[in-house]
Structures are given as structure tokens and as C-alpha cells.
Amino acid sequence: MGDYWIALLRGINVGTAKRVAMADLRAVVENLGYQDVATLLNSGNVVFRRPRTAKGSPAPAIEQAVAKRLGVSASVIVMPATALDAILRANPLAKPSRDPSRLLVAAVRDAAALGRLAALAKQDWGQEELACGRAAGYAWCADGISRGALFTAVNKALGDGVTMRNWATMLKLQAMTRAPATAASKPLRRAK
């Protein structure tokens, strides 16, 4: 059996652009030879197992397969489950009183993106907060994601080098790496 990995696709199913059915996305990842493939929500969050003997990042293969088979160009940021665990443990902005939908984890593609994020974290964001860790960034959007300047600034500065997920989503992805996927690799749905 292999280790769990998480793939985060940037910008799919946001508005009317880059529409991707999660069943199709799971099929693409399965066709690459990954196992126990499952998706979370409808925004390009994929958990899968890859053989321990595999080398290199799965991101390029997933990006190419999504473009070829689904006709969608989307940046893919991947991490093993152990890296996700470390990123979540390191969040300096996590507080029990904070709304998890306004607390974001900024997953970055490479060290250059992390450097640009660190530069942004030095700025004064008023009620909003931005912190840069060793492997990811963390944003607190006090008035909501779409109302503050921080979310827009991070996306403008990092472009395809970042994708952000809220705290609740990241915790659900972490939970998926601890529970075996169903045989049908059905997507998990947000509890109402």
C-alpha cells in the first residue's frame, strides 16, 4: 500500500470558469495509477494513495492529465499527508474562537512563492492577519474572504503559485488521510 497525498487544484469550479465534475477528476487521478482516490467538496480537493516507491511530485502528471482529459488548465499543489499534518500544527493564527471559514491556509507551490508570501506578511493588514510558516501561509480574513484586501493581495502576488483553502476544509482533508476511502471513492460532502 502507499502513502496518502493531497492534491489541491487552483481555481476550478469558481464561478462559471474551469468547470470540472469531481467524478471526472477522480477518474483522471485513478488513471494515473493512484489508489483510494476521493474528493472533498466541489473545488478540486483530492486525496489519494501513491506507491511508496514512486519518486518526484505527482503535481505535473495531474496537471497534464487534467488539461489533456478534461480540457482545463489548473495549477496543482500537492503534499504528502505528513506535510499537511505539519502545516496544520504550525498555524499561528488558529484560535478556537475564530470562524474556520475565515481562517485560510495558503498552500504554496515552491520556495519562491513562500518568499513572496513572507514579504506580504510584513505588511500591516489592519484587522486581517497574514503569517508565513516554513511550508505554508496562514490568513485571517476578519470580515470575510471577499471583503478584505488580504485575499486579493495574496492571489495577485502569488498567482498560480498559491491556492487557499479554509481551515475546516483542511481539517477534513487531514481526516480523509486517516480513514480508508470507500471502494467507489465517493466524494465526501459538507455536513449541513
N, C-alpha and C. Protein backbone atom coordinates (compact mmCIF):
# COMPACT_ATOMS: atom_id res chain seq x y z
N MET A 1 0.86 -1.18 0.00
CA MET A 1 0.00 0.00 0.00
C MET A 1 0.90 1.24 0.00
N GLY A 2 0.34 2.35 -0.37
CA GLY A 2 1.15 3.56 -0.44
C GLY A 2 0.78 4.57 0.63
N ASP A 3 1.41 5.71 0.53
CA ASP A 3 1.17 6.81 1.45
C ASP A 3 0.10 7.73 0.89
N TYR A 4 -0.64 8.37 1.79
CA TYR A 4 -1.65 9.34 1.36
C TYR A 4 -1.01 10.65 0.93
N TRP A 5 -1.58 11.22 -0.13
CA TRP A 5 -1.19 12.53 -0.64
C TRP A 5 -2.45 13.36 -0.83
N ILE A 6 -2.28 14.66 -0.85
CA ILE A 6 -3.37 15.59 -1.08
C ILE A 6 -3.00 16.44 -2.29
N ALA A 7 -3.93 16.58 -3.22
CA ALA A 7 -3.76 17.47 -4.37
C ALA A 7 -4.81 18.57 -4.28
N LEU A 8 -4.37 19.81 -4.43
CA LEU A 8 -5.25 20.96 -4.40
C LEU A 8 -5.17 21.64 -5.75
N LEU A 9 -6.28 21.64 -6.48
CA LEU A 9 -6.32 22.29 -7.79
C LEU A 9 -6.78 23.73 -7.61
N ARG A 10 -6.06 24.64 -8.24
CA ARG A 10 -6.35 26.06 -8.08
C ARG A 10 -7.43 26.52 -9.06
N GLY A 11 -8.44 27.17 -8.52
CA GLY A 11 -9.40 27.91 -9.33
C GLY A 11 -10.42 27.12 -10.11
N ILE A 12 -10.62 25.84 -9.81
CA ILE A 12 -11.65 25.14 -10.56
C ILE A 12 -13.00 25.29 -9.85
N ASN A 13 -14.05 25.29 -10.65
CA ASN A 13 -15.43 25.40 -10.15
C ASN A 13 -15.65 26.66 -9.33
N VAL A 14 -14.94 27.74 -9.67
CA VAL A 14 -15.16 29.04 -9.06
C VAL A 14 -15.89 29.86 -10.12
N GLY A 15 -17.13 30.21 -9.84
CA GLY A 15 -17.94 30.88 -10.86
C GLY A 15 -18.24 29.92 -12.00
N THR A 16 -18.17 30.42 -13.22
CA THR A 16 -18.50 29.59 -14.37
C THR A 16 -17.27 29.07 -15.10
N ALA A 17 -16.10 29.49 -14.68
CA ALA A 17 -14.87 29.08 -15.37
C ALA A 17 -14.35 27.76 -14.81
N LYS A 18 -13.63 27.05 -15.65
CA LYS A 18 -12.92 25.83 -15.25
C LYS A 18 -13.82 24.84 -14.52
N ARG A 19 -14.94 24.49 -15.13
CA ARG A 19 -15.88 23.55 -14.52
C ARG A 19 -15.36 22.11 -14.66
N VAL A 20 -15.30 21.41 -13.55
CA VAL A 20 -14.82 20.03 -13.52
C VAL A 20 -15.72 19.22 -12.59
N ALA A 21 -16.26 18.14 -13.10
CA ALA A 21 -17.04 17.23 -12.26
C ALA A 21 -16.06 16.42 -11.41
N MET A 22 -16.37 16.26 -10.14
CA MET A 22 -15.46 15.55 -9.25
C MET A 22 -15.32 14.08 -9.64
N ALA A 23 -16.35 13.47 -10.19
CA ALA A 23 -16.22 12.08 -10.67
C ALA A 23 -15.18 12.01 -11.79
N ASP A 24 -15.18 13.00 -12.67
CA ASP A 24 -14.18 13.04 -13.75
C ASP A 24 -12.78 13.27 -13.19
N LEU A 25 -12.68 14.13 -12.20
CA LEU A 25 -11.37 14.38 -11.59
C LEU A 25 -10.85 13.13 -10.91
N ARG A 26 -11.71 12.43 -10.20
CA ARG A 26 -11.27 11.17 -9.56
C ARG A 26 -10.80 10.18 -10.61
N ALA A 27 -11.53 10.08 -11.72
CA ALA A 27 -11.15 9.15 -12.78
C ALA A 27 -9.78 9.50 -13.36
N VAL A 28 -9.50 10.78 -13.54
CA VAL A 28 -8.20 11.21 -14.06
C VAL A 28 -7.09 10.78 -13.12
N VAL A 29 -7.27 11.01 -11.83
CA VAL A 29 -6.24 10.65 -10.85
C VAL A 29 -6.09 9.13 -10.75
N GLU A 30 -7.19 8.41 -10.81
CA GLU A 30 -7.12 6.94 -10.79
C GLU A 30 -6.39 6.41 -12.02
N ASN A 31 -6.64 7.02 -13.18
CA ASN A 31 -5.98 6.57 -14.41
C ASN A 31 -4.47 6.81 -14.39
N LEU A 32 -4.00 7.64 -13.50
CA LEU A 32 -2.56 7.85 -13.33
C LEU A 32 -1.93 6.75 -12.46
N GLY A 33 -2.78 5.85 -11.96
CA GLY A 33 -2.27 4.73 -11.17
C GLY A 33 -2.36 4.93 -9.67
N TYR A 34 -3.00 6.01 -9.22
CA TYR A 34 -3.14 6.24 -7.79
C TYR A 34 -4.35 5.48 -7.28
N GLN A 35 -4.32 5.17 -5.99
CA GLN A 35 -5.37 4.35 -5.39
C GLN A 35 -6.13 5.12 -4.33
N ASP A 36 -7.27 4.55 -3.93
CA ASP A 36 -8.11 5.14 -2.88
C ASP A 36 -8.36 6.62 -3.13
N VAL A 37 -8.69 6.96 -4.35
CA VAL A 37 -8.88 8.36 -4.75
C VAL A 37 -10.25 8.84 -4.26
N ALA A 38 -10.26 9.97 -3.58
CA ALA A 38 -11.51 10.57 -3.10
C ALA A 38 -11.40 12.08 -3.23
N THR A 39 -12.54 12.72 -3.41
CA THR A 39 -12.57 14.18 -3.49
C THR A 39 -13.39 14.72 -2.33
N LEU A 40 -13.15 15.98 -2.03
CA LEU A 40 -13.88 16.67 -0.96
C LEU A 40 -14.46 17.94 -1.54
N LEU A 41 -15.74 18.11 -1.36
CA LEU A 41 -16.46 19.27 -1.87
C LEU A 41 -16.36 19.30 -3.39
N ASN A 42 -16.61 20.43 -3.98
CA ASN A 42 -16.62 20.53 -5.45
C ASN A 42 -15.56 21.51 -5.92
N SER A 43 -14.46 21.60 -5.20
CA SER A 43 -13.48 22.63 -5.51
C SER A 43 -12.06 22.12 -5.72
N GLY A 44 -11.94 20.88 -6.17
CA GLY A 44 -10.62 20.40 -6.54
C GLY A 44 -9.73 19.97 -5.40
N ASN A 45 -10.30 19.30 -4.42
CA ASN A 45 -9.53 18.74 -3.32
C ASN A 45 -9.53 17.22 -3.49
N VAL A 46 -8.35 16.65 -3.68
CA VAL A 46 -8.25 15.22 -3.95
C VAL A 46 -7.30 14.57 -2.95
N VAL A 47 -7.72 13.45 -2.40
CA VAL A 47 -6.86 12.65 -1.53
C VAL A 47 -6.66 11.32 -2.24
N PHE A 48 -5.41 10.84 -2.24
CA PHE A 48 -5.12 9.58 -2.92
C PHE A 48 -3.91 8.92 -2.28
N ARG A 49 -3.76 7.64 -2.57
CA ARG A 49 -2.55 6.92 -2.15
C ARG A 49 -1.64 6.77 -3.36
N ARG A 50 -0.38 6.92 -3.10
CA ARG A 50 0.57 6.64 -4.18
C ARG A 50 1.59 5.66 -3.63
N PRO A 51 2.15 4.82 -4.49
CA PRO A 51 3.11 3.82 -4.02
C PRO A 51 4.31 4.48 -3.33
N ARG A 52 4.77 3.86 -2.29
CA ARG A 52 5.93 4.40 -1.57
C ARG A 52 7.18 4.45 -2.44
N THR A 53 7.22 3.62 -3.46
CA THR A 53 8.40 3.59 -4.34
C THR A 53 8.38 4.70 -5.39
N ALA A 54 7.25 5.40 -5.53
CA ALA A 54 7.16 6.48 -6.54
C ALA A 54 8.08 7.63 -6.15
N LYS A 55 8.66 8.26 -7.14
CA LYS A 55 9.59 9.38 -6.92
C LYS A 55 9.02 10.65 -7.52
N GLY A 56 9.44 11.78 -6.99
CA GLY A 56 9.06 13.07 -7.54
C GLY A 56 7.64 13.47 -7.16
N SER A 57 7.30 14.68 -7.54
CA SER A 57 5.99 15.22 -7.24
C SER A 57 4.94 14.72 -8.22
N PRO A 58 3.76 14.35 -7.73
CA PRO A 58 2.67 13.96 -8.62
C PRO A 58 2.03 15.15 -9.34
N ALA A 59 2.34 16.37 -8.93
CA ALA A 59 1.66 17.56 -9.47
C ALA A 59 1.75 17.68 -10.99
N PRO A 60 2.92 17.57 -11.61
CA PRO A 60 2.97 17.73 -13.06
C PRO A 60 2.11 16.72 -13.81
N ALA A 61 2.11 15.48 -13.38
CA ALA A 61 1.31 14.46 -14.06
C ALA A 61 -0.18 14.75 -13.91
N ILE A 62 -0.61 15.19 -12.73
CA ILE A 62 -2.02 15.51 -12.53
C ILE A 62 -2.41 16.73 -13.37
N GLU A 63 -1.57 17.77 -13.36
CA GLU A 63 -1.85 18.96 -14.18
C GLU A 63 -2.01 18.59 -15.65
N GLN A 64 -1.06 17.81 -16.17
CA GLN A 64 -1.10 17.42 -17.58
C GLN A 64 -2.32 16.57 -17.90
N ALA A 65 -2.65 15.64 -17.02
CA ALA A 65 -3.81 14.76 -17.27
C ALA A 65 -5.12 15.53 -17.21
N VAL A 66 -5.24 16.46 -16.29
CA VAL A 66 -6.45 17.29 -16.19
C VAL A 66 -6.60 18.13 -17.45
N ALA A 67 -5.50 18.71 -17.90
CA ALA A 67 -5.56 19.53 -19.13
C ALA A 67 -5.92 18.67 -20.35
N LYS A 68 -5.28 17.51 -20.45
CA LYS A 68 -5.50 16.66 -21.63
C LYS A 68 -6.88 16.01 -21.63
N ARG A 69 -7.28 15.45 -20.50
CA ARG A 69 -8.53 14.67 -20.47
C ARG A 69 -9.76 15.51 -20.18
N LEU A 70 -9.58 16.62 -19.44
CA LEU A 70 -10.75 17.43 -19.08
C LEU A 70 -10.76 18.79 -19.75
N GLY A 71 -9.66 19.14 -20.43
CA GLY A 71 -9.60 20.41 -21.13
C GLY A 71 -9.52 21.62 -20.22
N VAL A 72 -9.00 21.43 -19.02
CA VAL A 72 -8.92 22.51 -18.04
C VAL A 72 -7.48 22.70 -17.60
N SER A 73 -7.00 23.92 -17.69
CA SER A 73 -5.66 24.24 -17.21
C SER A 73 -5.79 24.74 -15.78
N ALA A 74 -5.19 24.00 -14.86
CA ALA A 74 -5.26 24.37 -13.45
C ALA A 74 -3.95 24.02 -12.77
N SER A 75 -3.43 24.94 -12.01
CA SER A 75 -2.25 24.69 -11.21
C SER A 75 -2.60 23.68 -10.11
N VAL A 76 -1.69 22.74 -9.87
CA VAL A 76 -1.92 21.71 -8.85
C VAL A 76 -0.80 21.78 -7.83
N ILE A 77 -1.18 21.87 -6.58
CA ILE A 77 -0.22 21.85 -5.48
C ILE A 77 -0.47 20.57 -4.70
N VAL A 78 0.58 19.78 -4.50
CA VAL A 78 0.43 18.50 -3.81
C VAL A 78 1.32 18.46 -2.57
N MET A 79 0.91 17.61 -1.65
CA MET A 79 1.72 17.39 -0.45
C MET A 79 1.38 16.04 0.13
N PRO A 80 2.35 15.38 0.73
CA PRO A 80 2.03 14.13 1.43
C PRO A 80 1.25 14.47 2.70
N ALA A 81 0.53 13.50 3.22
CA ALA A 81 -0.27 13.70 4.43
C ALA A 81 0.59 14.19 5.60
N THR A 82 1.82 13.72 5.68
CA THR A 82 2.69 14.17 6.78
C THR A 82 2.98 15.66 6.70
N ALA A 83 3.10 16.19 5.48
CA ALA A 83 3.32 17.63 5.31
C ALA A 83 2.07 18.41 5.70
N LEU A 84 0.91 17.90 5.32
CA LEU A 84 -0.34 18.56 5.72
C LEU A 84 -0.44 18.60 7.24
N ASP A 85 -0.13 17.50 7.90
CA ASP A 85 -0.16 17.47 9.37
C ASP A 85 0.73 18.57 9.95
N ALA A 86 1.94 18.70 9.43
CA ALA A 86 2.88 19.70 9.93
C ALA A 86 2.37 21.11 9.67
N ILE A 87 1.80 21.35 8.50
CA ILE A 87 1.26 22.67 8.16
C ILE A 87 0.13 23.03 9.13
N LEU A 88 -0.74 22.11 9.43
CA LEU A 88 -1.86 22.39 10.33
C LEU A 88 -1.37 22.62 11.76
N ARG A 89 -0.41 21.85 12.20
CA ARG A 89 0.14 22.03 13.56
C ARG A 89 0.81 23.39 13.72
N ALA A 90 1.38 23.91 12.64
CA ALA A 90 2.17 25.14 12.72
C ALA A 90 1.37 26.43 12.60
N ASN A 91 0.06 26.35 12.44
CA ASN A 91 -0.75 27.54 12.22
C ASN A 91 -0.76 28.47 13.44
N PRO A 92 -0.09 29.63 13.36
CA PRO A 92 -0.06 30.53 14.50
C PRO A 92 -1.34 31.35 14.65
N LEU A 93 -2.22 31.32 13.67
CA LEU A 93 -3.45 32.12 13.72
C LEU A 93 -4.67 31.33 14.17
N ALA A 94 -4.52 30.02 14.36
CA ALA A 94 -5.66 29.19 14.76
C ALA A 94 -6.01 29.46 16.22
N LYS A 95 -7.26 29.84 16.41
CA LYS A 95 -7.79 30.07 17.76
C LYS A 95 -9.19 29.49 17.79
N PRO A 96 -9.58 28.85 18.89
CA PRO A 96 -10.90 28.23 18.95
C PRO A 96 -12.05 29.21 18.67
N SER A 97 -11.87 30.47 18.98
CA SER A 97 -12.94 31.45 18.80
C SER A 97 -13.10 31.92 17.36
N ARG A 98 -12.19 31.57 16.49
CA ARG A 98 -12.22 32.06 15.12
C ARG A 98 -13.10 31.20 14.22
N ASP A 99 -13.81 31.87 13.34
CA ASP A 99 -14.66 31.22 12.35
C ASP A 99 -13.75 30.48 11.36
N PRO A 100 -13.87 29.15 11.26
CA PRO A 100 -12.97 28.40 10.37
C PRO A 100 -13.15 28.72 8.89
N SER A 101 -14.26 29.34 8.51
CA SER A 101 -14.44 29.72 7.10
C SER A 101 -13.67 30.99 6.75
N ARG A 102 -13.19 31.71 7.75
CA ARG A 102 -12.43 32.95 7.51
C ARG A 102 -10.94 32.77 7.79
N LEU A 103 -10.57 31.60 8.24
CA LEU A 103 -9.17 31.26 8.51
C LEU A 103 -8.69 30.39 7.36
N LEU A 104 -7.71 30.88 6.62
CA LEU A 104 -7.26 30.20 5.41
C LEU A 104 -5.85 29.66 5.55
N VAL A 105 -5.60 28.57 4.87
CA VAL A 105 -4.25 28.03 4.71
C VAL A 105 -3.86 28.27 3.26
N ALA A 106 -2.74 28.92 3.06
CA ALA A 106 -2.23 29.21 1.72
C ALA A 106 -1.16 28.18 1.39
N ALA A 107 -1.55 27.19 0.59
CA ALA A 107 -0.60 26.15 0.15
C ALA A 107 0.19 26.72 -1.03
N VAL A 108 1.49 26.63 -0.95
CA VAL A 108 2.35 27.23 -1.98
C VAL A 108 3.03 26.17 -2.82
N ARG A 109 3.35 26.57 -4.02
CA ARG A 109 3.95 25.67 -4.99
C ARG A 109 5.44 25.44 -4.74
N ASP A 110 6.14 26.49 -4.31
CA ASP A 110 7.59 26.38 -4.16
C ASP A 110 8.13 27.44 -3.21
N ALA A 111 9.42 27.40 -2.99
CA ALA A 111 10.07 28.32 -2.06
C ALA A 111 9.96 29.78 -2.52
N ALA A 112 9.96 30.02 -3.82
CA ALA A 112 9.83 31.39 -4.33
C ALA A 112 8.48 31.98 -3.93
N ALA A 113 7.41 31.20 -4.05
CA ALA A 113 6.09 31.66 -3.65
C ALA A 113 6.05 31.91 -2.15
N LEU A 114 6.69 31.06 -1.39
CA LEU A 114 6.74 31.23 0.06
C LEU A 114 7.48 32.52 0.42
N GLY A 115 8.53 32.84 -0.32
CA GLY A 115 9.27 34.09 -0.09
C GLY A 115 8.41 35.32 -0.35
N ARG A 116 7.61 35.29 -1.44
CA ARG A 116 6.71 36.42 -1.73
C ARG A 116 5.63 36.53 -0.65
N LEU A 117 5.17 35.41 -0.15
CA LEU A 117 4.18 35.41 0.92
C LEU A 117 4.77 36.00 2.19
N ALA A 118 6.00 35.64 2.50
CA ALA A 118 6.67 36.18 3.69
C ALA A 118 6.81 37.70 3.60
N ALA A 119 7.09 38.21 2.40
CA ALA A 119 7.18 39.67 2.22
C ALA A 119 5.83 40.33 2.48
N LEU A 120 4.76 39.72 2.01
CA LEU A 120 3.41 40.26 2.26
C LEU A 120 3.07 40.24 3.75
N ALA A 121 3.54 39.21 4.45
CA ALA A 121 3.22 39.07 5.88
C ALA A 121 3.82 40.20 6.71
N LYS A 122 4.81 40.89 6.19
CA LYS A 122 5.43 42.00 6.92
C LYS A 122 4.59 43.27 6.87
N GLN A 123 3.60 43.32 5.98
CA GLN A 123 2.76 44.50 5.85
C GLN A 123 1.68 44.52 6.93
N ASP A 124 1.15 45.72 7.19
CA ASP A 124 0.06 45.88 8.14
C ASP A 124 -1.26 45.64 7.40
N TRP A 125 -2.02 44.68 7.86
CA TRP A 125 -3.29 44.34 7.22
C TRP A 125 -4.49 44.71 8.08
N GLY A 126 -4.29 45.57 9.05
CA GLY A 126 -5.40 46.02 9.89
C GLY A 126 -5.96 44.87 10.70
N GLN A 127 -7.28 44.63 10.59
CA GLN A 127 -7.91 43.54 11.32
C GLN A 127 -7.57 42.17 10.73
N GLU A 128 -7.13 42.17 9.51
CA GLU A 128 -6.73 40.91 8.88
C GLU A 128 -5.30 40.58 9.31
N GLU A 129 -4.96 39.30 9.24
CA GLU A 129 -3.62 38.87 9.62
C GLU A 129 -3.08 37.90 8.58
N LEU A 130 -1.78 37.98 8.36
CA LEU A 130 -1.10 37.05 7.48
C LEU A 130 0.18 36.61 8.17
N ALA A 131 0.35 35.31 8.25
CA ALA A 131 1.56 34.74 8.84
C ALA A 131 2.15 33.76 7.84
N CYS A 132 3.46 33.67 7.84
CA CYS A 132 4.14 32.76 6.92
C CYS A 132 4.91 31.72 7.73
N GLY A 133 4.59 30.47 7.48
CA GLY A 133 5.28 29.38 8.15
C GLY A 133 6.39 28.83 7.26
N ARG A 134 6.92 27.68 7.62
CA ARG A 134 8.01 27.07 6.86
C ARG A 134 7.54 26.41 5.57
N ALA A 135 6.25 26.06 5.49
CA ALA A 135 5.75 25.35 4.31
C ALA A 135 4.44 25.91 3.76
N ALA A 136 3.84 26.88 4.45
CA ALA A 136 2.57 27.44 4.01
C ALA A 136 2.36 28.79 4.66
N GLY A 137 1.33 29.46 4.20
CA GLY A 137 0.92 30.72 4.81
C GLY A 137 -0.42 30.53 5.49
N TYR A 138 -0.75 31.50 6.34
CA TYR A 138 -1.99 31.44 7.10
C TYR A 138 -2.61 32.83 7.08
N ALA A 139 -3.89 32.92 6.75
CA ALA A 139 -4.54 34.21 6.64
C ALA A 139 -5.82 34.22 7.47
N TRP A 140 -5.99 35.29 8.21
CA TRP A 140 -7.23 35.51 8.95
C TRP A 140 -7.93 36.67 8.26
N CYS A 141 -9.09 36.39 7.68
CA CYS A 141 -9.88 37.39 6.96
C CYS A 141 -11.07 37.75 7.86
N ALA A 142 -10.86 38.71 8.75
CA ALA A 142 -11.81 39.04 9.80
C ALA A 142 -13.21 39.37 9.28
N ASP A 143 -13.30 40.06 8.17
CA ASP A 143 -14.60 40.47 7.64
C ASP A 143 -15.09 39.56 6.53
N GLY A 144 -14.45 38.45 6.31
CA GLY A 144 -14.82 37.54 5.24
C GLY A 144 -13.81 37.60 4.11
N ILE A 145 -13.76 36.54 3.36
CA ILE A 145 -12.75 36.41 2.31
C ILE A 145 -12.92 37.46 1.22
N SER A 146 -14.14 37.70 0.81
CA SER A 146 -14.36 38.60 -0.32
C SER A 146 -14.36 40.07 0.05
N ARG A 147 -14.38 40.40 1.32
CA ARG A 147 -14.48 41.79 1.75
C ARG A 147 -13.14 42.46 2.02
N GLY A 148 -12.17 41.69 2.42
CA GLY A 148 -10.89 42.28 2.79
C GLY A 148 -9.91 42.31 1.63
N ALA A 149 -8.84 43.05 1.84
CA ALA A 149 -7.82 43.21 0.81
C ALA A 149 -6.80 42.07 0.82
N LEU A 150 -6.68 41.36 1.92
CA LEU A 150 -5.63 40.35 2.07
C LEU A 150 -5.74 39.21 1.05
N PHE A 151 -6.90 38.63 0.91
CA PHE A 151 -7.10 37.51 -0.01
C PHE A 151 -6.72 37.92 -1.43
N THR A 152 -7.16 39.09 -1.84
CA THR A 152 -6.85 39.59 -3.18
C THR A 152 -5.36 39.84 -3.34
N ALA A 153 -4.73 40.41 -2.33
CA ALA A 153 -3.30 40.71 -2.40
C ALA A 153 -2.46 39.44 -2.52
N VAL A 154 -2.82 38.42 -1.76
CA VAL A 154 -2.07 37.16 -1.82
C VAL A 154 -2.20 36.54 -3.20
N ASN A 155 -3.41 36.50 -3.73
CA ASN A 155 -3.61 35.92 -5.07
C ASN A 155 -2.91 36.73 -6.15
N LYS A 156 -2.91 38.04 -6.03
CA LYS A 156 -2.25 38.89 -7.01
C LYS A 156 -0.74 38.69 -6.97
N ALA A 157 -0.18 38.61 -5.79
CA ALA A 157 1.28 38.48 -5.64
C ALA A 157 1.79 37.09 -6.03
N LEU A 158 1.01 36.05 -5.76
CA LEU A 158 1.49 34.69 -5.98
C LEU A 158 0.88 33.99 -7.18
N GLY A 159 -0.25 34.46 -7.67
CA GLY A 159 -0.87 33.86 -8.85
C GLY A 159 -1.03 32.35 -8.72
N ASP A 160 -0.56 31.63 -9.73
CA ASP A 160 -0.68 30.17 -9.73
C ASP A 160 0.24 29.49 -8.73
N GLY A 161 1.04 30.26 -8.02
CA GLY A 161 1.94 29.69 -7.03
C GLY A 161 1.29 29.42 -5.69
N VAL A 162 -0.01 29.73 -5.58
CA VAL A 162 -0.71 29.53 -4.30
C VAL A 162 -2.14 29.07 -4.58
N THR A 163 -2.66 28.30 -3.66
CA THR A 163 -4.10 28.03 -3.62
C THR A 163 -4.48 28.00 -2.15
N MET A 164 -5.62 28.59 -1.85
CA MET A 164 -6.02 28.71 -0.45
C MET A 164 -7.27 27.89 -0.17
N ARG A 165 -7.29 27.30 1.02
CA ARG A 165 -8.44 26.55 1.50
C ARG A 165 -8.73 27.00 2.92
N ASN A 166 -10.02 26.97 3.28
CA ASN A 166 -10.33 27.38 4.65
C ASN A 166 -9.95 26.27 5.63
N TRP A 167 -9.89 26.66 6.88
CA TRP A 167 -9.42 25.77 7.95
C TRP A 167 -10.26 24.50 8.04
N ALA A 168 -11.58 24.64 7.93
CA ALA A 168 -12.46 23.47 8.04
C ALA A 168 -12.17 22.47 6.92
N THR A 169 -11.97 22.96 5.71
CA THR A 169 -11.66 22.08 4.59
C THR A 169 -10.35 21.34 4.81
N MET A 170 -9.34 22.07 5.28
CA MET A 170 -8.04 21.43 5.51
C MET A 170 -8.13 20.35 6.59
N LEU A 171 -8.92 20.59 7.63
CA LEU A 171 -9.09 19.57 8.66
C LEU A 171 -9.82 18.35 8.11
N LYS A 172 -10.78 18.56 7.21
CA LYS A 172 -11.49 17.43 6.61
C LYS A 172 -10.55 16.63 5.70
N LEU A 173 -9.69 17.32 4.97
CA LEU A 173 -8.71 16.61 4.13
C LEU A 173 -7.78 15.78 5.00
N GLN A 174 -7.36 16.34 6.12
CA GLN A 174 -6.50 15.60 7.04
C GLN A 174 -7.23 14.35 7.54
N ALA A 175 -8.50 14.48 7.89
CA ALA A 175 -9.27 13.33 8.37
C ALA A 175 -9.38 12.26 7.30
N MET A 176 -9.49 12.67 6.04
CA MET A 176 -9.58 11.70 4.95
C MET A 176 -8.32 10.86 4.81
N THR A 177 -7.18 11.40 5.22
CA THR A 177 -5.93 10.64 5.12
C THR A 177 -5.82 9.60 6.23
N ARG A 178 -6.71 9.66 7.18
CA ARG A 178 -6.68 8.73 8.29
C ARG A 178 -7.74 7.64 8.17
N ALA A 179 -8.69 7.81 7.26
CA ALA A 179 -9.76 6.83 7.08
C ALA A 179 -9.72 6.31 5.66
N PRO A 180 -9.80 5.02 5.48
CA PRO A 180 -9.75 4.47 4.13
C PRO A 180 -10.91 4.99 3.28
N ALA A 181 -10.63 5.26 2.02
CA ALA A 181 -11.66 5.69 1.08
C ALA A 181 -12.60 4.53 0.81
N THR A 182 -13.81 4.84 0.41
CA THR A 182 -14.76 3.79 0.08
C THR A 182 -14.33 3.13 -1.22
N ALA A 183 -14.85 1.95 -1.46
CA ALA A 183 -14.50 1.22 -2.68
C ALA A 183 -14.86 2.01 -3.93
N ALA A 184 -15.93 2.79 -3.85
CA ALA A 184 -16.36 3.58 -5.01
C ALA A 184 -15.68 4.95 -5.05
N SER A 185 -14.85 5.25 -4.06
CA SER A 185 -14.18 6.55 -3.96
C SER A 185 -15.18 7.68 -4.08
N LYS A 186 -16.24 7.59 -3.31
CA LYS A 186 -17.27 8.61 -3.35
C LYS A 186 -16.76 9.89 -2.71
N PRO A 187 -17.23 11.03 -3.20
CA PRO A 187 -16.80 12.28 -2.60
C PRO A 187 -17.44 12.46 -1.23
N LEU A 188 -16.71 13.09 -0.35
CA LEU A 188 -17.28 13.47 0.94
C LEU A 188 -18.03 14.77 0.74
N ARG A 189 -19.12 14.92 1.42
CA ARG A 189 -19.91 16.14 1.28
C ARG A 189 -19.92 16.89 2.59
N ARG A 190 -20.01 18.19 2.50
CA ARG A 190 -20.06 19.04 3.69
C ARG A 190 -21.35 18.75 4.45
N ALA A 191 -21.24 18.59 5.74
CA ALA A 191 -22.43 18.39 6.56
C ALA A 191 -23.24 19.68 6.59
N LYS A 192 -24.53 19.54 6.52
CA LYS A 192 -25.41 20.73 6.53
C LYS A 192 -25.74 21.10 7.94
